[in-house]
N, C-alpha and C. Protein backbone atom coordinates (compact mmCIF):
# COMPACT_ATOMS: atom_id res chain seq x y z
N MET A 1 3.10 12.46 11.58
CA MET A 1 3.85 13.07 10.50
C MET A 1 2.91 13.97 9.69
N LEU A 2 3.37 15.14 9.38
CA LEU A 2 2.59 16.10 8.61
C LEU A 2 2.60 15.70 7.14
N HIS A 3 1.45 15.66 6.52
CA HIS A 3 1.36 15.29 5.11
C HIS A 3 1.50 16.52 4.23
N GLN A 4 2.35 16.42 3.22
CA GLN A 4 2.58 17.50 2.28
C GLN A 4 1.56 17.41 1.14
N SER A 5 1.41 18.51 0.42
CA SER A 5 0.54 18.47 -0.75
C SER A 5 1.24 17.65 -1.83
N ARG A 6 0.44 17.08 -2.70
CA ARG A 6 0.96 16.19 -3.73
C ARG A 6 1.66 16.99 -4.82
N PRO A 7 2.89 16.58 -5.20
CA PRO A 7 3.59 17.29 -6.29
C PRO A 7 2.93 16.98 -7.63
N GLN A 8 3.06 17.89 -8.58
CA GLN A 8 2.49 17.70 -9.91
C GLN A 8 3.32 16.67 -10.66
N PHE A 9 2.65 15.60 -11.14
CA PHE A 9 3.37 14.50 -11.79
C PHE A 9 4.01 14.92 -13.10
N HIS A 10 3.38 15.83 -13.83
CA HIS A 10 3.96 16.24 -15.12
C HIS A 10 5.32 16.91 -14.92
N ASN A 11 5.55 17.55 -13.77
CA ASN A 11 6.87 18.11 -13.46
C ASN A 11 7.87 17.00 -13.17
N LEU A 12 7.42 16.01 -12.40
CA LEU A 12 8.30 14.91 -12.02
C LEU A 12 8.65 14.03 -13.21
N LYS A 13 7.76 13.99 -14.21
CA LYS A 13 7.96 13.15 -15.39
C LYS A 13 9.29 13.47 -16.09
N ARG A 14 9.70 14.73 -16.01
CA ARG A 14 10.95 15.15 -16.65
C ARG A 14 12.17 14.51 -15.97
N GLU A 15 12.04 14.16 -14.68
CA GLU A 15 13.17 13.61 -13.93
C GLU A 15 13.19 12.08 -13.95
N ILE A 16 12.24 11.47 -14.60
CA ILE A 16 12.13 10.01 -14.61
C ILE A 16 12.92 9.43 -15.77
N LYS A 17 13.74 8.42 -15.45
CA LYS A 17 14.52 7.71 -16.47
C LYS A 17 13.73 6.49 -16.92
N VAL A 18 13.80 6.20 -18.20
CA VAL A 18 13.10 5.04 -18.77
C VAL A 18 14.13 4.07 -19.34
N LYS A 19 14.03 2.80 -18.91
CA LYS A 19 14.90 1.75 -19.44
C LYS A 19 14.03 0.70 -20.10
N THR A 20 14.49 0.15 -21.21
CA THR A 20 13.74 -0.92 -21.86
C THR A 20 14.61 -2.17 -21.95
N SER A 21 13.95 -3.32 -21.96
CA SER A 21 14.67 -4.58 -22.11
C SER A 21 13.72 -5.61 -22.71
N ARG A 22 14.27 -6.75 -23.05
CA ARG A 22 13.43 -7.80 -23.63
C ARG A 22 12.55 -8.40 -22.54
N SER A 23 11.32 -8.62 -22.91
CA SER A 23 10.31 -9.12 -21.98
C SER A 23 10.11 -10.61 -22.16
N GLY A 24 9.63 -11.26 -21.12
CA GLY A 24 9.28 -12.68 -21.21
C GLY A 24 7.82 -12.79 -21.61
N GLY A 25 7.29 -13.97 -21.53
CA GLY A 25 5.86 -14.17 -21.78
C GLY A 25 5.54 -14.44 -23.23
N PRO A 26 4.25 -14.37 -23.60
CA PRO A 26 3.82 -14.73 -24.95
C PRO A 26 4.33 -13.74 -25.99
N GLY A 27 4.42 -14.21 -27.23
CA GLY A 27 4.84 -13.33 -28.31
C GLY A 27 5.75 -14.02 -29.29
N GLY A 28 6.16 -15.24 -28.97
CA GLY A 28 6.99 -16.00 -29.90
C GLY A 28 8.29 -15.31 -30.22
N GLN A 29 8.67 -15.33 -31.49
CA GLN A 29 9.94 -14.75 -31.93
C GLN A 29 9.97 -13.24 -31.68
N HIS A 30 8.82 -12.61 -31.72
CA HIS A 30 8.69 -11.17 -31.50
C HIS A 30 9.33 -10.77 -30.17
N VAL A 31 9.09 -11.58 -29.12
CA VAL A 31 9.60 -11.29 -27.78
C VAL A 31 11.12 -11.31 -27.78
N ASN A 32 11.71 -12.17 -28.58
CA ASN A 32 13.16 -12.30 -28.60
C ASN A 32 13.86 -11.14 -29.31
N LYS A 33 13.13 -10.38 -30.11
CA LYS A 33 13.72 -9.30 -30.91
C LYS A 33 13.46 -7.91 -30.35
N VAL A 34 12.31 -7.73 -29.69
CA VAL A 34 11.84 -6.39 -29.34
C VAL A 34 11.98 -6.14 -27.84
N GLU A 35 12.41 -4.94 -27.48
CA GLU A 35 12.52 -4.55 -26.09
C GLU A 35 11.19 -3.91 -25.64
N SER A 36 10.28 -4.75 -25.18
CA SER A 36 8.96 -4.22 -24.81
C SER A 36 8.80 -4.03 -23.31
N LYS A 37 9.67 -4.61 -22.49
CA LYS A 37 9.61 -4.42 -21.04
C LYS A 37 10.12 -3.03 -20.71
N VAL A 38 9.40 -2.31 -19.87
CA VAL A 38 9.77 -0.93 -19.53
C VAL A 38 9.98 -0.80 -18.04
N GLN A 39 11.09 -0.17 -17.66
CA GLN A 39 11.38 0.16 -16.27
C GLN A 39 11.40 1.68 -16.17
N VAL A 40 10.64 2.20 -15.23
CA VAL A 40 10.57 3.64 -15.00
C VAL A 40 11.25 3.90 -13.65
N ILE A 41 12.30 4.73 -13.65
CA ILE A 41 13.10 4.95 -12.45
C ILE A 41 13.06 6.42 -12.05
N PHE A 42 12.70 6.67 -10.79
CA PHE A 42 12.64 8.04 -10.27
C PHE A 42 13.56 8.12 -9.06
N ASN A 43 14.60 8.98 -9.16
CA ASN A 43 15.54 9.16 -8.06
C ASN A 43 15.00 10.26 -7.15
N ILE A 44 14.57 9.87 -5.98
CA ILE A 44 13.92 10.81 -5.05
C ILE A 44 14.90 11.84 -4.49
N PRO A 45 16.08 11.46 -3.95
CA PRO A 45 16.97 12.47 -3.37
C PRO A 45 17.45 13.53 -4.36
N GLU A 46 17.57 13.19 -5.64
CA GLU A 46 18.08 14.15 -6.63
C GLU A 46 16.99 14.99 -7.29
N SER A 47 15.75 14.81 -6.89
CA SER A 47 14.64 15.53 -7.52
C SER A 47 14.70 17.02 -7.21
N ALA A 48 14.54 17.83 -8.25
CA ALA A 48 14.55 19.28 -8.09
C ALA A 48 13.16 19.83 -7.78
N PHE A 49 12.12 19.05 -8.09
CA PHE A 49 10.75 19.51 -7.92
C PHE A 49 10.17 19.19 -6.55
N LEU A 50 10.77 18.24 -5.83
CA LEU A 50 10.23 17.86 -4.52
C LEU A 50 10.89 18.68 -3.42
N THR A 51 10.09 19.06 -2.43
CA THR A 51 10.64 19.75 -1.25
C THR A 51 11.32 18.69 -0.38
N PRO A 52 12.21 19.10 0.52
CA PRO A 52 12.85 18.12 1.41
C PRO A 52 11.82 17.30 2.22
N GLU A 53 10.72 17.96 2.61
CA GLU A 53 9.68 17.25 3.38
C GLU A 53 8.99 16.19 2.52
N GLN A 54 8.73 16.52 1.25
CA GLN A 54 8.10 15.57 0.34
C GLN A 54 9.03 14.38 0.07
N LYS A 55 10.32 14.67 -0.09
CA LYS A 55 11.31 13.60 -0.30
C LYS A 55 11.32 12.66 0.90
N GLU A 56 11.35 13.27 2.08
CA GLU A 56 11.36 12.48 3.32
C GLU A 56 10.12 11.60 3.43
N GLN A 57 8.99 12.16 3.07
CA GLN A 57 7.72 11.43 3.13
C GLN A 57 7.71 10.25 2.16
N LEU A 58 8.19 10.47 0.94
CA LEU A 58 8.26 9.39 -0.05
C LEU A 58 9.23 8.30 0.39
N LEU A 59 10.40 8.71 0.89
CA LEU A 59 11.40 7.74 1.34
C LEU A 59 10.88 6.92 2.51
N ALA A 60 10.12 7.54 3.40
CA ALA A 60 9.56 6.81 4.56
C ALA A 60 8.47 5.85 4.11
N LYS A 61 7.61 6.29 3.21
CA LYS A 61 6.47 5.47 2.77
C LYS A 61 6.93 4.23 1.99
N TYR A 62 7.92 4.39 1.13
CA TYR A 62 8.35 3.29 0.26
C TYR A 62 9.77 2.81 0.57
N ALA A 63 10.15 2.82 1.84
CA ALA A 63 11.50 2.43 2.24
C ALA A 63 11.89 1.06 1.71
N SER A 64 10.94 0.11 1.69
CA SER A 64 11.25 -1.25 1.24
C SER A 64 11.34 -1.36 -0.28
N LYS A 65 10.81 -0.37 -1.01
CA LYS A 65 10.78 -0.43 -2.47
C LYS A 65 11.86 0.45 -3.11
N ILE A 66 12.61 1.17 -2.29
CA ILE A 66 13.59 2.11 -2.81
C ILE A 66 14.99 1.52 -2.68
N SER A 67 15.81 1.69 -3.73
CA SER A 67 17.19 1.19 -3.73
C SER A 67 18.06 2.05 -2.81
N LYS A 68 19.29 1.61 -2.59
CA LYS A 68 20.24 2.36 -1.74
C LYS A 68 20.51 3.75 -2.31
N GLU A 69 20.44 3.87 -3.64
CA GLU A 69 20.70 5.15 -4.30
C GLU A 69 19.50 6.09 -4.22
N GLY A 70 18.37 5.59 -3.76
CA GLY A 70 17.16 6.41 -3.65
C GLY A 70 16.25 6.31 -4.85
N ASP A 71 16.41 5.24 -5.65
CA ASP A 71 15.59 5.05 -6.85
C ASP A 71 14.31 4.28 -6.53
N LEU A 72 13.19 4.85 -6.94
CA LEU A 72 11.90 4.16 -6.88
C LEU A 72 11.65 3.63 -8.29
N THR A 73 11.57 2.32 -8.43
CA THR A 73 11.47 1.69 -9.75
C THR A 73 10.13 1.00 -9.93
N VAL A 74 9.54 1.23 -11.11
CA VAL A 74 8.29 0.55 -11.50
C VAL A 74 8.57 -0.16 -12.81
N THR A 75 8.15 -1.43 -12.87
CA THR A 75 8.37 -2.24 -14.08
C THR A 75 7.03 -2.65 -14.66
N CYS A 76 6.96 -2.66 -15.98
CA CYS A 76 5.74 -3.12 -16.65
C CYS A 76 6.12 -3.92 -17.89
N GLU A 77 5.58 -5.13 -17.98
CA GLU A 77 5.80 -5.97 -19.15
C GLU A 77 4.52 -6.72 -19.51
N ALA A 78 3.37 -6.10 -19.19
CA ALA A 78 2.08 -6.74 -19.40
C ALA A 78 1.68 -6.80 -20.87
N HIS A 79 2.08 -5.80 -21.63
CA HIS A 79 1.67 -5.72 -23.03
C HIS A 79 2.82 -6.09 -23.96
N ARG A 80 2.49 -6.39 -25.22
CA ARG A 80 3.52 -6.68 -26.21
C ARG A 80 4.08 -5.40 -26.80
N SER A 81 3.40 -4.30 -26.55
CA SER A 81 3.81 -3.01 -27.09
C SER A 81 4.60 -2.22 -26.04
N GLN A 82 5.76 -1.71 -26.44
CA GLN A 82 6.58 -0.90 -25.54
C GLN A 82 5.84 0.37 -25.13
N ILE A 83 5.12 0.97 -26.06
CA ILE A 83 4.40 2.21 -25.78
C ILE A 83 3.33 1.99 -24.71
N LYS A 84 2.56 0.90 -24.83
CA LYS A 84 1.53 0.60 -23.83
C LYS A 84 2.16 0.33 -22.47
N ASN A 85 3.27 -0.40 -22.46
CA ASN A 85 3.97 -0.68 -21.21
C ASN A 85 4.49 0.59 -20.57
N LYS A 86 5.00 1.51 -21.39
CA LYS A 86 5.52 2.78 -20.88
C LYS A 86 4.38 3.59 -20.26
N GLU A 87 3.24 3.65 -20.95
CA GLU A 87 2.07 4.38 -20.42
C GLU A 87 1.63 3.80 -19.09
N GLN A 88 1.55 2.46 -19.03
CA GLN A 88 1.10 1.82 -17.80
C GLN A 88 2.10 2.02 -16.67
N ALA A 89 3.40 1.99 -16.97
CA ALA A 89 4.43 2.20 -15.96
C ALA A 89 4.35 3.62 -15.39
N PHE A 90 4.12 4.61 -16.27
CA PHE A 90 3.98 5.99 -15.79
C PHE A 90 2.73 6.14 -14.91
N LYS A 91 1.64 5.46 -15.30
CA LYS A 91 0.42 5.51 -14.48
C LYS A 91 0.66 4.90 -13.10
N LYS A 92 1.38 3.77 -13.08
CA LYS A 92 1.71 3.12 -11.80
C LYS A 92 2.54 4.04 -10.92
N MET A 93 3.54 4.69 -11.53
CA MET A 93 4.41 5.60 -10.78
C MET A 93 3.61 6.77 -10.23
N ASP A 94 2.71 7.32 -11.05
CA ASP A 94 1.86 8.43 -10.62
C ASP A 94 1.00 8.00 -9.43
N ARG A 95 0.43 6.78 -9.52
CA ARG A 95 -0.41 6.26 -8.44
C ARG A 95 0.40 6.08 -7.15
N LEU A 96 1.63 5.53 -7.28
CA LEU A 96 2.48 5.33 -6.11
C LEU A 96 2.81 6.66 -5.42
N ILE A 97 3.21 7.64 -6.23
CA ILE A 97 3.57 8.94 -5.66
C ILE A 97 2.35 9.60 -5.03
N GLY A 98 1.21 9.51 -5.71
CA GLY A 98 -0.02 10.09 -5.16
C GLY A 98 -0.43 9.45 -3.85
N LYS A 99 -0.25 8.13 -3.76
CA LYS A 99 -0.63 7.40 -2.55
C LYS A 99 0.19 7.83 -1.33
N ALA A 100 1.42 8.21 -1.56
CA ALA A 100 2.30 8.63 -0.46
C ALA A 100 1.82 9.92 0.18
N PHE A 101 1.09 10.74 -0.59
CA PHE A 101 0.65 12.03 -0.07
C PHE A 101 -0.83 12.05 0.29
N GLU A 102 -1.48 10.89 0.25
CA GLU A 102 -2.89 10.79 0.62
C GLU A 102 -3.04 10.90 2.13
N MET A 103 -4.05 11.63 2.54
CA MET A 103 -4.33 11.73 3.97
C MET A 103 -5.16 10.53 4.39
N LYS A 104 -4.75 9.88 5.47
CA LYS A 104 -5.52 8.77 6.00
C LYS A 104 -6.73 9.32 6.73
N LYS A 105 -7.86 8.69 6.52
CA LYS A 105 -9.08 9.11 7.19
C LYS A 105 -9.01 8.68 8.65
N ALA A 106 -9.28 9.63 9.55
CA ALA A 106 -9.22 9.32 10.98
C ALA A 106 -10.37 8.39 11.36
N ARG A 107 -10.06 7.42 12.21
CA ARG A 107 -11.07 6.46 12.64
C ARG A 107 -11.89 7.08 13.76
N LYS A 108 -13.20 7.00 13.60
CA LYS A 108 -14.10 7.50 14.64
C LYS A 108 -14.37 6.38 15.62
N LYS A 109 -14.18 6.67 16.91
CA LYS A 109 -14.46 5.67 17.93
C LYS A 109 -15.96 5.50 18.06
N THR A 110 -16.40 4.27 18.13
CA THR A 110 -17.81 4.01 18.34
C THR A 110 -17.97 3.07 19.53
N GLY A 111 -19.07 3.23 20.24
CA GLY A 111 -19.34 2.36 21.38
C GLY A 111 -20.06 1.11 20.92
N PRO A 112 -20.20 0.14 21.81
CA PRO A 112 -20.93 -1.07 21.45
C PRO A 112 -22.41 -0.75 21.24
N THR A 113 -23.05 -1.48 20.34
CA THR A 113 -24.47 -1.25 20.07
C THR A 113 -25.32 -1.81 21.22
N ARG A 114 -26.55 -1.39 21.25
CA ARG A 114 -27.46 -1.88 22.29
C ARG A 114 -27.62 -3.39 22.18
N ALA A 115 -27.76 -3.88 20.96
CA ALA A 115 -27.94 -5.32 20.74
C ALA A 115 -26.73 -6.11 21.23
N SER A 116 -25.51 -5.59 20.97
CA SER A 116 -24.31 -6.32 21.42
C SER A 116 -24.20 -6.31 22.94
N LYS A 117 -24.62 -5.20 23.59
CA LYS A 117 -24.62 -5.15 25.06
C LYS A 117 -25.58 -6.18 25.63
N GLU A 118 -26.79 -6.21 25.04
CA GLU A 118 -27.80 -7.16 25.51
C GLU A 118 -27.35 -8.60 25.30
N LYS A 119 -26.73 -8.88 24.18
CA LYS A 119 -26.24 -10.23 23.88
C LYS A 119 -25.18 -10.65 24.91
N ARG A 120 -24.28 -9.71 25.23
CA ARG A 120 -23.23 -9.99 26.21
C ARG A 120 -23.82 -10.28 27.58
N LEU A 121 -24.77 -9.44 28.00
CA LEU A 121 -25.41 -9.63 29.31
C LEU A 121 -26.20 -10.94 29.36
N LYS A 122 -26.86 -11.28 28.27
CA LYS A 122 -27.63 -12.53 28.20
C LYS A 122 -26.68 -13.73 28.34
N GLY A 123 -25.53 -13.66 27.67
CA GLY A 123 -24.53 -14.72 27.77
C GLY A 123 -24.01 -14.87 29.19
N LYS A 124 -23.77 -13.75 29.85
CA LYS A 124 -23.28 -13.79 31.23
C LYS A 124 -24.32 -14.39 32.16
N LYS A 125 -25.59 -14.01 31.93
CA LYS A 125 -26.68 -14.52 32.76
C LYS A 125 -26.82 -16.04 32.58
N LEU A 126 -26.74 -16.52 31.34
CA LEU A 126 -26.83 -17.96 31.08
C LEU A 126 -25.70 -18.72 31.76
N LEU A 127 -24.50 -18.19 31.69
CA LEU A 127 -23.36 -18.83 32.32
C LEU A 127 -23.54 -18.86 33.84
N SER A 128 -24.03 -17.77 34.37
CA SER A 128 -24.29 -17.68 35.81
C SER A 128 -25.32 -18.72 36.25
N GLU A 129 -26.40 -18.84 35.47
CA GLU A 129 -27.44 -19.84 35.78
C GLU A 129 -26.87 -21.25 35.73
N LYS A 130 -26.05 -21.52 34.73
CA LYS A 130 -25.45 -22.84 34.58
C LYS A 130 -24.61 -23.18 35.80
N LYS A 131 -23.84 -22.22 36.28
CA LYS A 131 -22.97 -22.44 37.44
C LYS A 131 -23.79 -22.63 38.71
N LYS A 132 -24.91 -21.90 38.84
CA LYS A 132 -25.79 -22.04 40.01
C LYS A 132 -26.40 -23.43 40.05
N MET A 133 -26.75 -23.95 38.87
CA MET A 133 -27.39 -25.27 38.78
C MET A 133 -26.42 -26.38 39.19
N ARG A 134 -25.13 -26.16 39.03
CA ARG A 134 -24.16 -27.21 39.37
C ARG A 134 -24.26 -27.51 40.85
N GLY A 135 -23.94 -26.59 41.70
CA GLY A 135 -24.03 -26.70 43.16
C GLY A 135 -23.89 -28.10 43.72
N GLY A 136 -24.40 -28.37 44.90
CA GLY A 136 -24.56 -29.68 45.50
C GLY A 136 -23.30 -30.48 45.78
N GLY A 137 -22.16 -30.11 45.38
CA GLY A 137 -20.95 -30.91 45.63
C GLY A 137 -20.51 -30.79 47.07
N SER A 138 -19.41 -31.42 47.45
CA SER A 138 -18.92 -31.34 48.82
C SER A 138 -18.36 -29.95 49.07
N SER A 139 -18.50 -29.50 50.29
CA SER A 139 -17.97 -28.17 50.63
C SER A 139 -16.93 -28.33 51.73
N PHE A 140 -16.14 -27.34 51.91
CA PHE A 140 -15.06 -27.40 52.90
C PHE A 140 -15.51 -26.89 54.26
N GLU A 141 -16.77 -26.50 54.43
CA GLU A 141 -17.23 -25.89 55.67
C GLU A 141 -17.62 -26.92 56.72
N ASP A 142 -17.42 -28.20 56.51
CA ASP A 142 -17.83 -29.26 57.44
C ASP A 142 -17.17 -29.14 58.77
């Protein structure tokens, strides 16, 4: 698959919907009153900034994380502050989108080292010697 160049996140930020809700975890009564949990939702098929190839690439990369409607959702509830959670959620989304367009480094084939060849041959020789030493049993040539 041909990798596309990475889209500019500041353009995509305009298309991202933000939802807030009450978060669990520490915070006492504060948690029960304040909506500090943040969900950042990006609808890939409806994006105006992504090319069809980029959309296809994102949908293929995150098929298991995308809803039927084509929404890629990131949730953050690590902090007690909604603003900090929103910042972290946007960073996560940026990282996810960037990762989809990263080129994988091609693996260079390497041969076995001299030491590994010698070790293998030494092992074979030892096994051969062991089998030669067994000998002496009955043979079928009688």
